[in-house]
Amino acid sequence: MLQSVPPSWRDALAPALGTPQARQLGGFLQAEEAAGKRIYPPRGTRLAALELTPLDAVKVVILGQDPYHGPGQAHGLCFSVQRGVRVPPSLVNIYKELESDLGLPRPAHGNLEAWARQGVLLLNNALTVEDGQAGSHAGKGWEAITDAAVAAVAAKPQPCVFLLWGSHAKKKALAVPGLAQSHHLVLTAPHPSPLSAHAGFLGCRHFSQANAFLEAQGRGAIDWRV
């Protein structure tokens, strides 16, 4: 699998890819597909978050749990869907917060590649899922790889912003030793899903805070328009 990892991430992820959990991942995915199960996102897009956002370009980290499990939705970036697919409820709330915080009109599509190309790492905890089975690939080996990716960003000397929405994202990122006391900006809020967005995600103003921090650090703001 190391050969399929984008070059900028290989050194950081090589130790994780050598763990038993990561070595078992390839066999698990092959067996699932051989059994006729439909896996999302399709081959060739599963590492899109790392491909579109090289390690040295990361400015912001947003963490998701696992890919969307409906046909045609997932394409390797957390919270993002392909153009032409209905914008999912959590992303609708993210767009509501962008509108409230930065005055940006709500986009008609849910493709967030424009963020990724500016240095926003849109990383899920597990990078695959079975059709219709949310969380089905949790604990199958992806975590060793994505934990290493988060730790690699935390180790960067350049200040970054971690936007941690929901308990799962907070647990994953704050497991990195020293992150909360580091030179990075760590912002937390409830998950943007309809079940929790009104408990503090809406109104959190994370986007303006992230841009103010990045500009103060001389790293340049993110254009959050998509």
Protein backbone atom coordinates (compact mmCIF):
# COMPACT_ATOMS: atom_id res chain seq x y z
CA MET A 1 0.00 0.00 0.00
CA LEU A 2 2.95 2.33 0.58
CA GLN A 3 3.35 2.77 -3.18
CA SER A 4 -0.17 4.15 -3.47
CA VAL A 5 0.39 6.77 -0.76
CA PRO A 6 1.18 10.21 -2.22
CA PRO A 7 4.93 10.97 -2.01
CA SER A 8 4.65 13.83 0.51
CA TRP A 9 3.01 11.51 3.04
CA ARG A 10 5.09 8.34 2.57
CA ASP A 11 7.79 8.91 5.17
CA ALA A 12 5.23 9.94 7.79
CA LEU A 13 2.94 6.98 7.14
CA ALA A 14 5.53 4.26 6.48
CA PRO A 15 5.72 3.06 10.13
CA ALA A 16 1.92 2.88 10.38
CA LEU A 17 1.70 0.95 7.12
CA GLY A 18 3.98 -1.65 8.64
CA THR A 19 1.67 -2.42 11.56
CA PRO A 20 -0.30 -5.69 11.59
CA GLN A 21 -3.58 -3.76 11.40
CA ALA A 22 -2.56 -1.91 8.25
CA ARG A 23 -1.15 -5.04 6.63
CA GLN A 24 -4.47 -6.81 7.21
CA LEU A 25 -6.42 -3.94 5.64
CA GLY A 26 -5.49 -4.77 2.05
CA GLY A 27 -6.54 -8.38 2.46
CA PHE A 28 -9.80 -7.37 4.09
CA LEU A 29 -10.72 -5.02 1.24
CA GLN A 30 -9.83 -7.61 -1.39
CA ALA A 31 -11.94 -10.23 0.36
CA GLU A 32 -14.92 -7.88 0.66
CA GLU A 33 -14.81 -6.99 -3.02
CA ALA A 34 -14.28 -10.62 -4.03
CA ALA A 35 -17.45 -11.45 -2.07
CA GLY A 36 -19.36 -9.01 -4.26
CA LYS A 37 -19.74 -6.27 -1.69
CA ARG A 38 -19.88 -2.71 -2.98
CA ILE A 39 -17.25 -0.53 -1.31
CA TYR A 40 -17.20 3.27 -1.25
CA PRO A 41 -15.47 5.36 -2.36
CA PRO A 42 -14.30 3.54 -5.49
CA ARG A 43 -10.70 2.47 -6.02
CA GLY A 44 -8.50 5.35 -7.06
CA THR A 45 -10.22 7.89 -4.82
CA ARG A 46 -9.72 6.39 -1.36
CA LEU A 47 -6.61 8.44 -0.64
CA ALA A 48 -7.95 11.63 -2.25
CA ALA A 49 -7.56 13.64 0.97
CA LEU A 50 -3.82 12.93 0.97
CA GLU A 51 -3.46 13.39 -2.79
CA LEU A 52 -5.18 16.77 -2.93
CA THR A 53 -3.53 18.10 0.25
CA PRO A 54 0.21 17.33 0.50
CA LEU A 55 1.61 17.21 4.02
CA ASP A 56 3.72 20.33 3.55
CA ALA A 57 0.65 22.24 2.32
CA VAL A 58 -1.70 21.44 5.23
CA LYS A 59 -3.10 24.52 6.96
CA VAL A 60 -6.35 23.18 8.41
CA VAL A 61 -7.47 19.71 9.50
CA ILE A 62 -11.13 18.67 9.51
CA LEU A 63 -11.87 15.12 10.66
CA GLY A 64 -14.82 12.91 9.75
CA GLN A 65 -15.74 9.40 10.83
CA ASP A 66 -16.22 7.33 7.68
CA PRO A 67 -17.31 7.91 4.07
CA TYR A 68 -20.90 8.36 3.00
CA HIS A 69 -22.37 4.92 2.35
CA GLY A 70 -24.81 5.72 -0.49
CA PRO A 71 -24.15 5.26 -4.22
CA GLY A 72 -22.20 8.04 -5.90
CA GLN A 73 -21.64 10.11 -2.75
CA ALA A 74 -18.18 9.48 -1.33
CA HIS A 75 -15.07 10.51 -3.23
CA GLY A 76 -12.36 10.48 -0.59
CA LEU A 77 -12.93 13.76 1.30
CA CYS A 78 -14.83 13.93 4.58
CA PHE A 79 -18.17 15.77 4.46
CA SER A 80 -17.80 16.18 0.67
CA VAL A 81 -19.91 14.62 -2.09
CA GLN A 82 -19.66 14.56 -5.85
CA ARG A 83 -21.30 17.33 -7.84
CA GLY A 84 -24.84 16.41 -8.78
CA VAL A 85 -25.43 14.60 -5.47
CA ARG A 86 -27.81 16.13 -2.94
CA VAL A 87 -25.93 18.07 -0.27
CA PRO A 88 -26.01 15.92 2.92
CA PRO A 89 -27.58 17.35 6.09
CA SER A 90 -24.29 17.80 7.98
CA LEU A 91 -22.80 19.72 5.08
CA VAL A 92 -25.96 21.84 4.87
CA ASN A 93 -25.26 22.90 8.45
CA ILE A 94 -21.60 23.58 7.63
CA TYR A 95 -22.78 25.84 4.83
CA LYS A 96 -25.23 27.55 7.21
CA GLU A 97 -22.35 28.33 9.55
CA LEU A 98 -20.22 29.64 6.68
CA GLU A 99 -23.08 31.94 5.70
CA SER A 100 -23.53 33.19 9.26
CA ASP A 101 -19.81 33.49 10.03
CA LEU A 102 -18.37 34.81 6.77
CA GLY A 103 -21.43 35.94 4.82
CA LEU A 104 -20.84 33.38 2.09
CA PRO A 105 -23.88 32.24 0.07
CA ARG A 106 -24.75 28.57 0.43
CA PRO A 107 -23.34 26.56 -2.49
CA ALA A 108 -25.64 24.48 -4.67
CA HIS A 109 -23.26 21.50 -4.60
CA GLY A 110 -21.30 19.59 -1.96
CA ASN A 111 -17.89 19.12 -3.57
CA LEU A 112 -15.17 20.45 -1.26
CA GLU A 113 -12.15 19.84 -3.48
CA ALA A 114 -11.53 23.61 -3.57
CA TRP A 115 -10.85 23.50 0.17
CA ALA A 116 -8.56 20.50 -0.12
CA ARG A 117 -6.46 22.18 -2.83
CA GLN A 118 -5.87 25.15 -0.50
CA GLY A 119 -4.52 23.05 2.35
CA VAL A 120 -7.64 21.84 4.17
CA LEU A 121 -7.08 18.17 5.01
CA LEU A 122 -10.52 16.55 4.86
CA LEU A 123 -9.71 13.23 6.48
CA ASN A 124 -12.05 10.47 7.58
CA ASN A 125 -11.10 8.04 10.34
CA ALA A 126 -11.82 5.05 8.08
CA LEU A 127 -11.36 5.64 4.37
CA THR A 128 -13.80 3.01 3.08
CA VAL A 129 -17.27 1.74 3.92
CA GLU A 130 -19.65 -0.94 2.65
CA ASP A 131 -22.72 0.13 0.71
CA GLY A 132 -25.51 0.96 3.14
CA GLN A 133 -23.49 -0.02 6.23
CA ALA A 134 -22.29 3.03 8.14
CA GLY A 135 -19.19 2.33 10.21
CA SER A 136 -18.70 -1.09 8.66
CA HIS A 137 -14.94 -0.63 8.09
CA ALA A 138 -14.16 0.86 11.48
CA GLY A 139 -11.43 -1.10 13.23
CA LYS A 140 -10.28 -2.80 10.02
CA GLY A 141 -6.91 -1.07 9.81
CA TRP A 142 -7.48 2.42 8.47
CA GLU A 143 -7.12 3.98 11.91
CA ALA A 144 -3.39 3.22 12.13
CA ILE A 145 -2.90 5.15 8.89
CA THR A 146 -5.17 8.10 9.60
CA ASP A 147 -3.88 8.46 13.17
CA ALA A 148 -0.38 8.71 11.72
CA ALA A 149 -1.53 11.37 9.27
CA VAL A 150 -3.00 13.48 12.09
CA ALA A 151 0.18 13.05 14.13
CA ALA A 152 2.28 14.10 11.13
CA VAL A 153 0.37 17.36 10.86
CA ALA A 154 0.67 17.92 14.60
CA ALA A 155 4.45 17.51 14.27
CA LYS A 156 4.70 20.21 11.59
CA PRO A 157 6.61 23.32 12.68
CA GLN A 158 4.19 25.53 10.73
CA PRO A 159 1.12 26.45 12.80
CA CYS A 160 -2.07 24.73 11.63
CA VAL A 161 -5.72 24.78 12.66
CA PHE A 162 -7.55 21.68 13.86
CA LEU A 163 -11.34 21.96 13.56
CA LEU A 164 -12.68 19.14 15.72
CA TRP A 165 -16.42 18.68 15.34
CA GLY A 166 -18.00 16.03 17.52
CA SER A 167 -16.64 13.69 20.18
CA HIS A 168 -15.13 11.28 17.67
CA ALA A 169 -12.95 13.95 16.04
CA LYS A 170 -11.92 15.37 19.40
CA LYS A 171 -10.92 11.95 20.71
CA LYS A 172 -8.88 11.13 17.61
CA ALA A 173 -6.95 14.39 17.40
CA LEU A 174 -6.46 15.03 21.10
CA ALA A 175 -4.94 11.56 21.46
CA VAL A 176 -1.87 13.06 19.79
CA PRO A 177 0.49 13.89 22.68
CA GLY A 178 0.79 17.60 23.34
CA LEU A 179 -1.55 18.78 20.59
CA ALA A 180 -3.74 20.81 22.94
CA GLN A 181 -0.66 22.62 24.31
CA SER A 182 1.07 23.04 20.95
CA HIS A 183 1.62 25.99 18.61
CA HIS A 184 -1.43 24.91 16.61
CA LEU A 185 -4.94 26.32 17.06
CA VAL A 186 -7.37 23.62 18.22
CA LEU A 187 -11.07 24.50 18.01
CA THR A 188 -13.82 22.14 19.15
CA ALA A 189 -17.59 22.12 18.65
CA PRO A 190 -20.45 19.62 18.47
CA HIS A 191 -20.86 17.68 15.25
CA PRO A 192 -22.71 19.54 12.45
CA SER A 193 -25.29 16.78 12.06
CA PRO A 194 -28.94 17.79 12.54
CA LEU A 195 -28.93 15.93 15.87
CA SER A 196 -26.27 18.16 17.43
CA ALA A 197 -25.62 21.24 15.29
CA HIS A 198 -27.89 23.44 17.41
CA ALA A 199 -25.98 22.44 20.55
CA GLY A 200 -23.06 24.68 19.62
CA PHE A 201 -21.84 24.00 16.11
CA LEU A 202 -24.06 26.68 14.61
CA GLY A 203 -22.60 29.92 15.86
CA CYS A 204 -19.13 28.51 16.64
CA ARG A 205 -17.47 30.90 14.14
CA HIS A 206 -14.66 28.43 13.48
CA PHE A 207 -14.08 29.60 9.91
CA SER A 208 -13.36 33.22 10.80
CA GLN A 209 -11.25 32.15 13.77
CA ALA A 210 -9.21 29.80 11.56
CA ASN A 211 -8.57 32.52 8.99
CA ALA A 212 -7.62 35.10 11.63
CA PHE A 213 -5.10 32.66 13.10
CA LEU A 214 -3.61 31.70 9.73
CA GLU A 215 -3.25 35.33 8.69
CA ALA A 216 -1.62 36.22 12.01
CA GLN A 217 0.86 33.40 11.44
CA GLY A 218 1.64 34.60 7.93
CA ARG A 219 0.18 31.48 6.31
CA GLY A 220 -2.68 33.06 4.37
CA ALA A 221 -6.40 32.66 4.86
CA ILE A 222 -8.53 29.93 3.29
CA ASP A 223 -11.06 30.99 0.67
CA TRP A 224 -13.99 28.94 1.96
CA ARG A 225 -16.07 29.43 -1.17
CA VAL A 226 -16.61 26.24 -3.18
